[in-house]
């Protein structure tokens, strides 16, 4: 963080990050995690512009304020419209940042167009099994309110298999070295392979958090 320009940090901290408090499930805590991971990955690609890396990470989910399903596209539009960004970056730099924001979703089914997109996409990977269990169950409950607990758990398991199994789209689209993500994938594979093991793990997890 020390290498990021102070005026950039001040703007993001005061004008951008507070907006995430209005987005359920993707608060500024998640964004700060992605920022931290992005800056760590920057060490593997020090030729990049660190201010751009920081801004891309800060902006990548902001479009959820407008539309959750197309949030990557909406985030890019918001970045393009930002007067502060326009004052401090060239049109080419803004286009690169906007493309990276558009490309950050692991579920897109295509490779990001630039190394900036690959970096933020990699940084957006969750490495906490506990957080993943919570988010998968809560999201499944939100969109399937009539399901039984057993149905919710099995639906969540299938989603996590689709995303994080060895052939899953998130597992296959990691572009930077990350031992924590590798450990997370191994743990997720271990508990989602068997429905009974996963159900037991999810119920114990939900009990701990009062669900």
Foldseek 3Di string as FASTA:
>chain_A
DVPADPVLVVCLVPPQQVLQVVAPPCHSVLLVQLLVQLVVLCVVVVVDDNNLLNVLSSQLQSQVVPPNVQRLLSSLVVLVPDPVNPVPDPPVSSVLSSQLSNLLDLPPPDARPDVSNLSSNQSSDDLDPLSLLVVLLVVLCVVCVPDDPLVSQLVSLVVCCCQQACPHSSNVRRDGDDPSNVVSSVVSCVQSVDSVSSSVVSVVSCVVVVD
